[in-house]
Amino acid sequence: MKRQLTKMLGISGVIVKSQKQLENTLILEIENNSKTALCPKCQKNSYRLHQNHYFLIKDIPWGEIEVLLRVNRRQFKCDNCSKPEA
């Protein structure tokens, strides 16, 4: 089901991790499928996760169902310059 929802969502590089339905609301937890992030300061790739930030975005409805995207904005720590990066 998650693979089908990821395909229906149609956002490149983003996967649906889980879904929850509450009455007429569908909450899709999504995150970037990349395991690295590029440091904005030194342009090196980092694999070291620093922290997660979750927030909700209201998407367009699917028929009568309200859709909310629970986005995991992961923040990485750069091993090269030690700067936290988004």
N, C-alpha and C. Protein backbone atom coordinates (compact mmCIF):
# COMPACT_ATOMS: atom_id res chain seq x y z
N MET A 1 0.82 -1.20 0.00
CA MET A 1 0.00 0.00 0.00
C MET A 1 0.86 1.27 0.00
N LYS A 2 1.98 1.25 0.77
CA LYS A 2 2.85 2.43 0.83
C LYS A 2 3.45 2.75 -0.53
N ARG A 3 3.81 1.71 -1.27
CA ARG A 3 4.39 1.91 -2.60
C ARG A 3 3.36 2.55 -3.54
N GLN A 4 2.11 2.12 -3.44
CA GLN A 4 1.05 2.69 -4.27
C GLN A 4 0.80 4.15 -3.90
N LEU A 5 0.79 4.45 -2.60
CA LEU A 5 0.60 5.83 -2.16
C LEU A 5 1.76 6.71 -2.60
N THR A 6 2.99 6.20 -2.54
CA THR A 6 4.16 6.94 -3.00
C THR A 6 4.00 7.28 -4.48
N LYS A 7 3.56 6.31 -5.26
CA LYS A 7 3.38 6.51 -6.70
C LYS A 7 2.26 7.53 -6.97
N MET A 8 1.15 7.42 -6.23
CA MET A 8 0.03 8.35 -6.41
C MET A 8 0.41 9.77 -6.02
N LEU A 9 1.23 9.91 -4.96
CA LEU A 9 1.65 11.23 -4.50
C LEU A 9 2.49 11.92 -5.58
N GLY A 10 3.35 11.16 -6.23
CA GLY A 10 4.09 11.66 -7.39
C GLY A 10 5.12 12.74 -7.11
N ILE A 11 5.76 12.71 -5.95
CA ILE A 11 6.82 13.67 -5.64
C ILE A 11 8.15 12.94 -5.77
N SER A 12 8.97 13.38 -6.69
CA SER A 12 10.25 12.73 -6.97
C SER A 12 11.15 12.74 -5.73
N GLY A 13 11.74 11.57 -5.41
CA GLY A 13 12.67 11.47 -4.30
C GLY A 13 12.03 11.36 -2.93
N VAL A 14 10.69 11.27 -2.88
CA VAL A 14 9.97 11.22 -1.61
C VAL A 14 9.21 9.90 -1.52
N ILE A 15 9.25 9.26 -0.34
CA ILE A 15 8.52 8.02 -0.14
C ILE A 15 7.53 8.18 1.01
N VAL A 16 6.43 7.42 0.95
CA VAL A 16 5.45 7.38 2.03
C VAL A 16 5.91 6.33 3.02
N LYS A 17 6.16 6.74 4.27
CA LYS A 17 6.62 5.82 5.31
C LYS A 17 5.45 5.14 6.02
N SER A 18 4.35 5.89 6.21
CA SER A 18 3.17 5.33 6.88
C SER A 18 1.96 6.18 6.53
N GLN A 19 0.78 5.62 6.81
CA GLN A 19 -0.45 6.36 6.60
C GLN A 19 -1.40 6.07 7.76
N LYS A 20 -2.23 7.07 8.06
CA LYS A 20 -3.21 6.93 9.13
C LYS A 20 -4.48 7.66 8.69
N GLN A 21 -5.63 7.02 8.86
CA GLN A 21 -6.89 7.66 8.51
C GLN A 21 -7.67 7.93 9.78
N LEU A 22 -8.08 9.18 9.96
CA LEU A 22 -8.90 9.62 11.07
C LEU A 22 -10.16 10.25 10.50
N GLU A 23 -11.28 9.56 10.58
CA GLU A 23 -12.55 10.00 10.00
C GLU A 23 -12.35 10.42 8.54
N ASN A 24 -12.48 11.71 8.22
CA ASN A 24 -12.36 12.17 6.83
C ASN A 24 -11.00 12.79 6.54
N THR A 25 -9.98 12.41 7.30
CA THR A 25 -8.63 12.95 7.12
C THR A 25 -7.64 11.81 6.94
N LEU A 26 -6.79 11.93 5.93
CA LEU A 26 -5.72 10.97 5.68
C LEU A 26 -4.39 11.66 5.97
N ILE A 27 -3.59 11.07 6.85
CA ILE A 27 -2.27 11.62 7.18
C ILE A 27 -1.22 10.69 6.59
N LEU A 28 -0.41 11.24 5.68
CA LEU A 28 0.68 10.48 5.06
C LEU A 28 2.00 10.98 5.63
N GLU A 29 2.76 10.08 6.25
CA GLU A 29 4.09 10.45 6.73
C GLU A 29 5.07 10.21 5.60
N ILE A 30 5.75 11.28 5.18
CA ILE A 30 6.66 11.19 4.04
C ILE A 30 8.05 11.65 4.45
N GLU A 31 9.06 11.16 3.70
CA GLU A 31 10.42 11.64 3.89
C GLU A 31 11.22 11.44 2.61
N ASN A 32 12.28 12.18 2.51
CA ASN A 32 13.20 12.07 1.39
C ASN A 32 13.85 10.69 1.46
N ASN A 33 13.98 10.02 0.32
CA ASN A 33 14.56 8.67 0.36
C ASN A 33 16.09 8.68 0.27
N SER A 34 16.70 9.85 0.23
CA SER A 34 18.16 9.95 0.23
C SER A 34 18.70 9.72 1.64
N LYS A 35 19.80 9.02 1.74
CA LYS A 35 20.43 8.75 3.03
C LYS A 35 21.52 9.76 3.36
N THR A 36 21.72 10.75 2.49
CA THR A 36 22.74 11.77 2.70
C THR A 36 22.16 13.15 2.45
N ALA A 37 22.93 14.16 2.85
CA ALA A 37 22.58 15.55 2.55
C ALA A 37 23.87 16.28 2.19
N LEU A 38 23.75 17.25 1.31
CA LEU A 38 24.90 18.04 0.88
C LEU A 38 25.04 19.24 1.82
N CYS A 39 26.22 19.42 2.39
CA CYS A 39 26.48 20.54 3.29
C CYS A 39 26.45 21.85 2.50
N PRO A 40 25.65 22.84 2.94
CA PRO A 40 25.59 24.11 2.21
C PRO A 40 26.87 24.93 2.35
N LYS A 41 27.68 24.63 3.38
CA LYS A 41 28.91 25.40 3.61
C LYS A 41 30.09 24.86 2.81
N CYS A 42 30.35 23.53 2.90
CA CYS A 42 31.55 22.97 2.25
C CYS A 42 31.23 22.05 1.06
N GLN A 43 29.94 21.81 0.78
CA GLN A 43 29.49 21.01 -0.37
C GLN A 43 29.87 19.54 -0.30
N LYS A 44 30.18 19.01 0.89
CA LYS A 44 30.49 17.58 1.06
C LYS A 44 29.22 16.84 1.50
N ASN A 45 29.12 15.56 1.11
CA ASN A 45 27.99 14.73 1.54
C ASN A 45 28.18 14.28 2.98
N SER A 46 27.08 14.24 3.73
CA SER A 46 27.12 13.75 5.10
C SER A 46 26.10 12.63 5.27
N TYR A 47 26.49 11.59 5.98
CA TYR A 47 25.62 10.45 6.29
C TYR A 47 25.14 10.49 7.74
N ARG A 48 25.70 11.39 8.54
CA ARG A 48 25.44 11.39 9.98
C ARG A 48 24.21 12.22 10.33
N LEU A 49 23.15 11.54 10.74
CA LEU A 49 21.90 12.20 11.10
C LEU A 49 22.07 12.94 12.41
N HIS A 50 21.68 14.22 12.43
CA HIS A 50 21.79 15.06 13.63
C HIS A 50 20.47 15.07 14.39
N GLN A 51 19.36 15.34 13.68
CA GLN A 51 18.04 15.36 14.31
C GLN A 51 16.95 15.34 13.25
N ASN A 52 15.72 15.08 13.71
CA ASN A 52 14.54 15.07 12.85
C ASN A 52 13.60 16.20 13.27
N HIS A 53 12.99 16.83 12.29
CA HIS A 53 11.97 17.85 12.53
C HIS A 53 10.73 17.44 11.74
N TYR A 54 9.60 17.30 12.42
CA TYR A 54 8.35 16.92 11.75
C TYR A 54 7.43 18.13 11.70
N PHE A 55 6.74 18.29 10.57
CA PHE A 55 5.72 19.32 10.45
C PHE A 55 4.64 18.84 9.49
N LEU A 56 3.45 19.47 9.56
CA LEU A 56 2.31 19.07 8.73
C LEU A 56 2.08 20.08 7.62
N ILE A 57 1.77 19.56 6.44
CA ILE A 57 1.41 20.38 5.29
C ILE A 57 0.05 19.90 4.80
N LYS A 58 -0.86 20.84 4.57
CA LYS A 58 -2.17 20.48 4.03
C LYS A 58 -2.06 20.35 2.52
N ASP A 59 -2.38 19.18 2.00
CA ASP A 59 -2.33 18.90 0.56
C ASP A 59 -3.73 19.07 -0.02
N ILE A 60 -3.85 18.94 -1.33
CA ILE A 60 -5.18 19.00 -1.93
C ILE A 60 -5.96 17.75 -1.54
N PRO A 61 -7.28 17.87 -1.37
CA PRO A 61 -8.07 16.70 -0.95
C PRO A 61 -8.17 15.64 -2.04
N TRP A 62 -8.35 14.39 -1.60
CA TRP A 62 -8.66 13.27 -2.50
C TRP A 62 -10.14 13.02 -2.37
N GLY A 63 -10.91 13.63 -3.26
CA GLY A 63 -12.37 13.52 -3.16
C GLY A 63 -12.85 14.23 -1.90
N GLU A 64 -13.55 13.51 -1.04
CA GLU A 64 -14.07 14.06 0.21
C GLU A 64 -13.07 13.97 1.36
N ILE A 65 -11.90 13.39 1.11
CA ILE A 65 -10.93 13.14 2.18
C ILE A 65 -9.86 14.24 2.20
N GLU A 66 -9.72 14.89 3.36
CA GLU A 66 -8.65 15.88 3.54
C GLU A 66 -7.32 15.13 3.65
N VAL A 67 -6.28 15.66 3.02
CA VAL A 67 -4.96 15.01 3.03
C VAL A 67 -3.95 15.93 3.72
N LEU A 68 -3.29 15.38 4.73
CA LEU A 68 -2.20 16.07 5.41
C LEU A 68 -0.92 15.29 5.19
N LEU A 69 0.16 15.99 4.90
CA LEU A 69 1.47 15.36 4.74
C LEU A 69 2.29 15.65 6.00
N ARG A 70 2.71 14.61 6.69
CA ARG A 70 3.59 14.75 7.85
C ARG A 70 5.01 14.56 7.33
N VAL A 71 5.72 15.67 7.23
CA VAL A 71 7.04 15.69 6.60
C VAL A 71 8.13 15.56 7.65
N ASN A 72 9.05 14.63 7.40
CA ASN A 72 10.24 14.49 8.24
C ASN A 72 11.37 15.24 7.55
N ARG A 73 11.71 16.39 8.10
CA ARG A 73 12.83 17.17 7.57
C ARG A 73 14.06 16.81 8.39
N ARG A 74 14.83 15.89 7.87
CA ARG A 74 16.01 15.41 8.59
C ARG A 74 17.14 16.43 8.50
N GLN A 75 17.88 16.55 9.59
CA GLN A 75 19.03 17.43 9.61
C GLN A 75 20.27 16.58 9.87
N PHE A 76 21.27 16.76 9.03
CA PHE A 76 22.51 16.00 9.13
C PHE A 76 23.61 16.86 9.73
N LYS A 77 24.63 16.23 10.26
CA LYS A 77 25.80 16.93 10.79
C LYS A 77 26.97 16.65 9.85
N CYS A 78 27.61 17.70 9.37
CA CYS A 78 28.71 17.56 8.44
C CYS A 78 29.97 17.10 9.17
N ASP A 79 30.56 16.00 8.71
CA ASP A 79 31.80 15.49 9.31
C ASP A 79 33.01 16.34 8.91
N ASN A 80 32.90 17.05 7.81
CA ASN A 80 34.01 17.86 7.31
C ASN A 80 34.13 19.19 8.05
N CYS A 81 33.03 19.92 8.18
CA CYS A 81 33.11 21.24 8.82
C CYS A 81 32.27 21.35 10.10
N SER A 82 31.59 20.27 10.49
CA SER A 82 30.78 20.18 11.72
C SER A 82 29.54 21.06 11.72
N LYS A 83 29.15 21.57 10.57
CA LYS A 83 27.94 22.39 10.49
C LYS A 83 26.71 21.49 10.36
N PRO A 84 25.65 21.73 11.21
CA PRO A 84 24.39 21.02 10.97
C PRO A 84 23.80 21.48 9.64
N GLU A 85 23.26 20.54 8.87
CA GLU A 85 22.72 20.86 7.56
C GLU A 85 21.34 20.25 7.38
N ALA A 86 20.52 20.90 6.57
CA ALA A 86 19.16 20.41 6.33
C ALA A 86 19.16 19.39 5.22
